[in-house]
């Protein structure tokens, strides 16, 4: 099964699964913006929240950058559909781009963003109307079971 990982899932999977994350990520997909989102999350943890040191953030970002080399980096092709879906579901354009990329690849979406997961699950009829089918959504916890 093909999978698209959003930033929350990518970061959580690498943190929780360590080196076995490789098996889940190899050959799967991230968006071009995913590394920027991960970098921003690490910056926030180090600079604003002081949960990790800057050297820990740099080390983790380097590891994630290396792991992403075994993944396919893509962007959704239909930006108009991304906007339309973002509007209909009242979600960010970023979140919508992950859904549309999953749709275009006929792949599952892996996200640990509970708000996004809920929105996808509760909006199944809207997604089927807009896309012609449902989107399968998974958490990293489900993936690791």
C-alpha atoms as a PDB file:
ATOM      1  CA  UNK A   1       0.000   0.000   0.000  1.00  0.00           C
ATOM      2  CA  UNK A   2       1.281   3.455  -0.950  1.00  0.00           C
ATOM      3  CA  UNK A   3       1.298   6.072   1.802  1.00  0.00           C
ATOM      4  CA  UNK A   4       1.647   9.851   1.988  1.00  0.00           C
ATOM      5  CA  UNK A   5       3.132  11.086   5.278  1.00  0.00           C
ATOM      6  CA  UNK A   6       2.413  14.536   6.609  1.00  0.00           C
ATOM      7  CA  UNK A   7       4.917  16.362   8.824  1.00  0.00           C
ATOM      8  CA  UNK A   8       3.341  15.262  12.114  1.00  0.00           C
ATOM      9  CA  UNK A   9       3.424  11.597  11.128  1.00  0.00           C
ATOM     10  CA  UNK A  10       6.937  11.748   9.677  1.00  0.00           C
ATOM     11  CA  UNK A  11       8.373  13.336  12.808  1.00  0.00           C
ATOM     12  CA  UNK A  12       6.460  11.072  15.211  1.00  0.00           C
ATOM     13  CA  UNK A  13       7.302   7.899  13.296  1.00  0.00           C
ATOM     14  CA  UNK A  14      11.018   8.674  13.276  1.00  0.00           C
ATOM     15  CA  UNK A  15      10.954   9.565  16.965  1.00  0.00           C
ATOM     16  CA  UNK A  16       8.996   6.503  18.051  1.00  0.00           C
ATOM     17  CA  UNK A  17      10.227   3.811  15.654  1.00  0.00           C
ATOM     18  CA  UNK A  18      13.872   4.852  15.354  1.00  0.00           C
ATOM     19  CA  UNK A  19      15.730   2.866  12.716  1.00  0.00           C
ATOM     20  CA  UNK A  20      12.695   0.672  11.951  1.00  0.00           C
ATOM     21  CA  UNK A  21      10.971   3.799  10.579  1.00  0.00           C
ATOM     22  CA  UNK A  22      13.029   3.147   7.444  1.00  0.00           C
ATOM     23  CA  UNK A  23      10.841   0.104   6.654  1.00  0.00           C
ATOM     24  CA  UNK A  24       7.649   2.166   6.783  1.00  0.00           C
ATOM     25  CA  UNK A  25       8.984   5.154   4.883  1.00  0.00           C
ATOM     26  CA  UNK A  26      11.043   3.649   2.067  1.00  0.00           C
ATOM     27  CA  UNK A  27       9.382   4.238  -1.283  1.00  0.00           C
ATOM     28  CA  UNK A  28       6.463   6.155   0.215  1.00  0.00           C
ATOM     29  CA  UNK A  29       5.672   9.844  -0.211  1.00  0.00           C
ATOM     30  CA  UNK A  30       6.044  13.260   1.355  1.00  0.00           C
ATOM     31  CA  UNK A  31       5.179  16.649  -0.070  1.00  0.00           C
ATOM     32  CA  UNK A  32       7.812  19.202  -0.968  1.00  0.00           C
ATOM     33  CA  UNK A  33       6.588  21.318   1.946  1.00  0.00           C
ATOM     34  CA  UNK A  34       6.869  18.488   4.504  1.00  0.00           C
ATOM     35  CA  UNK A  35      10.532  19.094   5.327  1.00  0.00           C
ATOM     36  CA  UNK A  36       9.801  22.790   5.866  1.00  0.00           C
ATOM     37  CA  UNK A  37       6.953  21.916   8.213  1.00  0.00           C
ATOM     38  CA  UNK A  38       9.204  19.490  10.129  1.00  0.00           C
ATOM     39  CA  UNK A  39      11.937  22.113  10.295  1.00  0.00           C
ATOM     40  CA  UNK A  40       9.463  24.647  11.638  1.00  0.00           C
ATOM     41  CA  UNK A  41       8.185  22.180  14.268  1.00  0.00           C
ATOM     42  CA  UNK A  42      11.753  21.486  15.424  1.00  0.00           C
ATOM     43  CA  UNK A  43      12.557  25.212  15.485  1.00  0.00           C
ATOM     44  CA  UNK A  44       9.447  25.788  17.613  1.00  0.00           C
ATOM     45  CA  UNK A  45      10.396  23.007  20.038  1.00  0.00           C
ATOM     46  CA  UNK A  46      13.954  24.296  20.395  1.00  0.00           C
ATOM     47  CA  UNK A  47      13.499  28.063  20.232  1.00  0.00           C
ATOM     48  CA  UNK A  48      10.070  28.828  21.612  1.00  0.00           C
ATOM     49  CA  UNK A  49       9.174  25.880  23.819  1.00  0.00           C
ATOM     50  CA  UNK A  50      12.723  24.945  24.890  1.00  0.00           C
ATOM     51  CA  UNK A  51      11.749  21.223  24.893  1.00  0.00           C
ATOM     52  CA  UNK A  52      14.894  20.271  23.001  1.00  0.00           C
ATOM     53  CA  UNK A  53      18.248  21.928  22.426  1.00  0.00           C
ATOM     54  CA  UNK A  54      19.188  23.525  19.121  1.00  0.00           C
ATOM     55  CA  UNK A  55      21.827  20.808  18.629  1.00  0.00           C
ATOM     56  CA  UNK A  56      19.128  18.140  19.149  1.00  0.00           C
ATOM     57  CA  UNK A  57      16.915  19.905  16.610  1.00  0.00           C
ATOM     58  CA  UNK A  58      19.788  20.046  14.108  1.00  0.00           C
ATOM     59  CA  UNK A  59      20.649  16.399  14.654  1.00  0.00           C
ATOM     60  CA  UNK A  60      17.046  15.298  14.236  1.00  0.00           C
ATOM     61  CA  UNK A  61      16.603  17.454  11.148  1.00  0.00           C
ATOM     62  CA  UNK A  62      19.737  15.942   9.617  1.00  0.00           C
ATOM     63  CA  UNK A  63      18.426  12.419  10.286  1.00  0.00           C
ATOM     64  CA  UNK A  64      15.043  13.262   8.818  1.00  0.00           C
ATOM     65  CA  UNK A  65      16.645  14.870   5.759  1.00  0.00           C
ATOM     66  CA  UNK A  66      18.661  11.680   5.180  1.00  0.00           C
ATOM     67  CA  UNK A  67      15.626   9.439   5.643  1.00  0.00           C
ATOM     68  CA  UNK A  68      13.634  11.541   3.200  1.00  0.00           C
ATOM     69  CA  UNK A  69      16.144  10.607   0.491  1.00  0.00           C
ATOM     70  CA  UNK A  70      14.565   7.133   0.437  1.00  0.00           C
ATOM     71  CA  UNK A  71      11.117   8.651  -0.067  1.00  0.00           C
ATOM     72  CA  UNK A  72       9.418  10.190  -3.065  1.00  0.00           C
ATOM     73  CA  UNK A  73       8.873  13.948  -2.844  1.00  0.00           C
ATOM     74  CA  UNK A  74       5.772  15.108  -4.671  1.00  0.00           C
ATOM     75  CA  UNK A  75       3.283  17.941  -4.948  1.00  0.00           C
ATOM     76  CA  UNK A  76      -0.398  17.677  -5.796  1.00  0.00           C
ATOM     77  CA  UNK A  77      -1.060  18.418  -9.449  1.00  0.00           C
ATOM     78  CA  UNK A  78      -4.479  20.000  -9.082  1.00  0.00           C
ATOM     79  CA  UNK A  79      -4.034  23.173  -7.024  1.00  0.00           C
ATOM     80  CA  UNK A  80      -7.589  24.280  -7.779  1.00  0.00           C
ATOM     81  CA  UNK A  81      -8.935  21.087  -6.231  1.00  0.00           C
ATOM     82  CA  UNK A  82      -6.675  21.675  -3.215  1.00  0.00           C
ATOM     83  CA  UNK A  83      -8.263  25.109  -2.729  1.00  0.00           C
ATOM     84  CA  UNK A  84     -11.797  23.858  -3.357  1.00  0.00           C
ATOM     85  CA  UNK A  85     -11.432  21.071  -0.799  1.00  0.00           C
ATOM     86  CA  UNK A  86      -9.768  23.388   1.736  1.00  0.00           C
ATOM     87  CA  UNK A  87     -12.760  25.689   1.407  1.00  0.00           C
ATOM     88  CA  UNK A  88     -15.372  22.925   1.591  1.00  0.00           C
ATOM     89  CA  UNK A  89     -13.795  21.233   4.627  1.00  0.00           C
ATOM     90  CA  UNK A  90     -12.676  24.502   6.253  1.00  0.00           C
ATOM     91  CA  UNK A  91      -9.108  23.232   6.608  1.00  0.00           C
ATOM     92  CA  UNK A  92      -5.800  24.819   5.667  1.00  0.00           C
ATOM     93  CA  UNK A  93      -4.530  24.727   2.126  1.00  0.00           C
ATOM     94  CA  UNK A  94      -1.540  22.783   3.506  1.00  0.00           C
ATOM     95  CA  UNK A  95      -3.747  20.062   5.009  1.00  0.00           C
ATOM     96  CA  UNK A  96      -5.849  19.906   1.875  1.00  0.00           C
ATOM     97  CA  UNK A  97      -2.697  19.426  -0.220  1.00  0.00           C
ATOM     98  CA  UNK A  98      -1.922  16.207   1.689  1.00  0.00           C
ATOM     99  CA  UNK A  99      -5.445  14.912   1.063  1.00  0.00           C
ATOM    100  CA  UNK A 100      -5.292  15.718  -2.653  1.00  0.00           C
ATOM    101  CA  UNK A 101      -1.821  14.187  -3.015  1.00  0.00           C
ATOM    102  CA  UNK A 102      -3.160  11.007  -1.375  1.00  0.00           C
ATOM    103  CA  UNK A 103      -6.134  11.087  -3.725  1.00  0.00           C
ATOM    104  CA  UNK A 104      -3.997  11.606  -6.843  1.00  0.00           C
ATOM    105  CA  UNK A 105      -1.686   8.719  -5.873  1.00  0.00           C
ATOM    106  CA  UNK A 106      -4.538   6.496  -4.701  1.00  0.00           C
ATOM    107  CA  UNK A 107      -2.571   6.236  -1.453  1.00  0.00           C
ATOM    108  CA  UNK A 108      -3.416   6.318   2.225  1.00  0.00           C
ATOM    109  CA  UNK A 109      -2.666   9.418   4.275  1.00  0.00           C
ATOM    110  CA  UNK A 110      -0.663   9.053   7.483  1.00  0.00           C
ATOM    111  CA  UNK A 111      -1.184  11.921   9.917  1.00  0.00           C
ATOM    112  CA  UNK A 112      -0.996  12.372  13.664  1.00  0.00           C
ATOM    113  CA  UNK A 113      -2.879  15.651  13.431  1.00  0.00           C
ATOM    114  CA  UNK A 114      -6.034  14.593  15.298  1.00  0.00           C
ATOM    115  CA  UNK A 115      -7.993  17.604  14.095  1.00  0.00           C
ATOM    116  CA  UNK A 116      -7.254  16.690  10.460  1.00  0.00           C
ATOM    117  CA  UNK A 117      -7.979  12.980  11.032  1.00  0.00           C
ATOM    118  CA  UNK A 118     -11.342  13.835  12.591  1.00  0.00           C
ATOM    119  CA  UNK A 119     -12.188  16.223   9.775  1.00  0.00           C
ATOM    120  CA  UNK A 120     -11.432  13.555   7.151  1.00  0.00           C
ATOM    121  CA  UNK A 121     -13.441  10.897   8.970  1.00  0.00           C
ATOM    122  CA  UNK A 122     -16.425  13.178   9.640  1.00  0.00           C
ATOM    123  CA  UNK A 123     -16.396  14.583   6.085  1.00  0.00           C
ATOM    124  CA  UNK A 124     -16.460  11.281   4.243  1.00  0.00           C
ATOM    125  CA  UNK A 125     -19.591  12.183   2.241  1.00  0.00           C
ATOM    126  CA  UNK A 126     -18.087  15.530   1.190  1.00  0.00           C
ATOM    127  CA  UNK A 127     -14.842  13.823   0.156  1.00  0.00           C
ATOM    128  CA  UNK A 128     -16.691  11.176  -1.849  1.00  0.00           C
ATOM    129  CA  UNK A 129     -18.734  13.890  -3.576  1.00  0.00           C
ATOM    130  CA  UNK A 130     -15.643  15.988  -4.364  1.00  0.00           C
ATOM    131  CA  UNK A 131     -13.219  13.167  -5.185  1.00  0.00           C
ATOM    132  CA  UNK A 132     -15.387  10.193  -6.084  1.00  0.00           C
ATOM    133  CA  UNK A 133     -14.054   8.044  -3.262  1.00  0.00           C
ATOM    134  CA  UNK A 134     -13.023   8.097   0.368  1.00  0.00           C
ATOM    135  CA  UNK A 135      -9.520   8.788   1.634  1.00  0.00           C
ATOM    136  CA  UNK A 136      -7.960   6.190   3.918  1.00  0.00           C
ATOM    137  CA  UNK A 137      -6.318   7.873   6.894  1.00  0.00           C
ATOM    138  CA  UNK A 138      -3.954   6.310   9.428  1.00  0.00           C
ATOM    139  CA  UNK A 139      -2.009   7.383  12.489  1.00  0.00           C
ATOM    140  CA  UNK A 140       1.583   6.334  13.135  1.00  0.00           C
ATOM    141  CA  UNK A 141       0.263   4.262  16.041  1.00  0.00           C
ATOM    142  CA  UNK A 142      -1.948   2.288  13.661  1.00  0.00           C
ATOM    143  CA  UNK A 143       0.951   1.884  11.276  1.00  0.00           C
ATOM    144  CA  UNK A 144       3.242   0.499  13.976  1.00  0.00           C
ATOM    145  CA  UNK A 145       0.768  -2.097  15.265  1.00  0.00           C
END
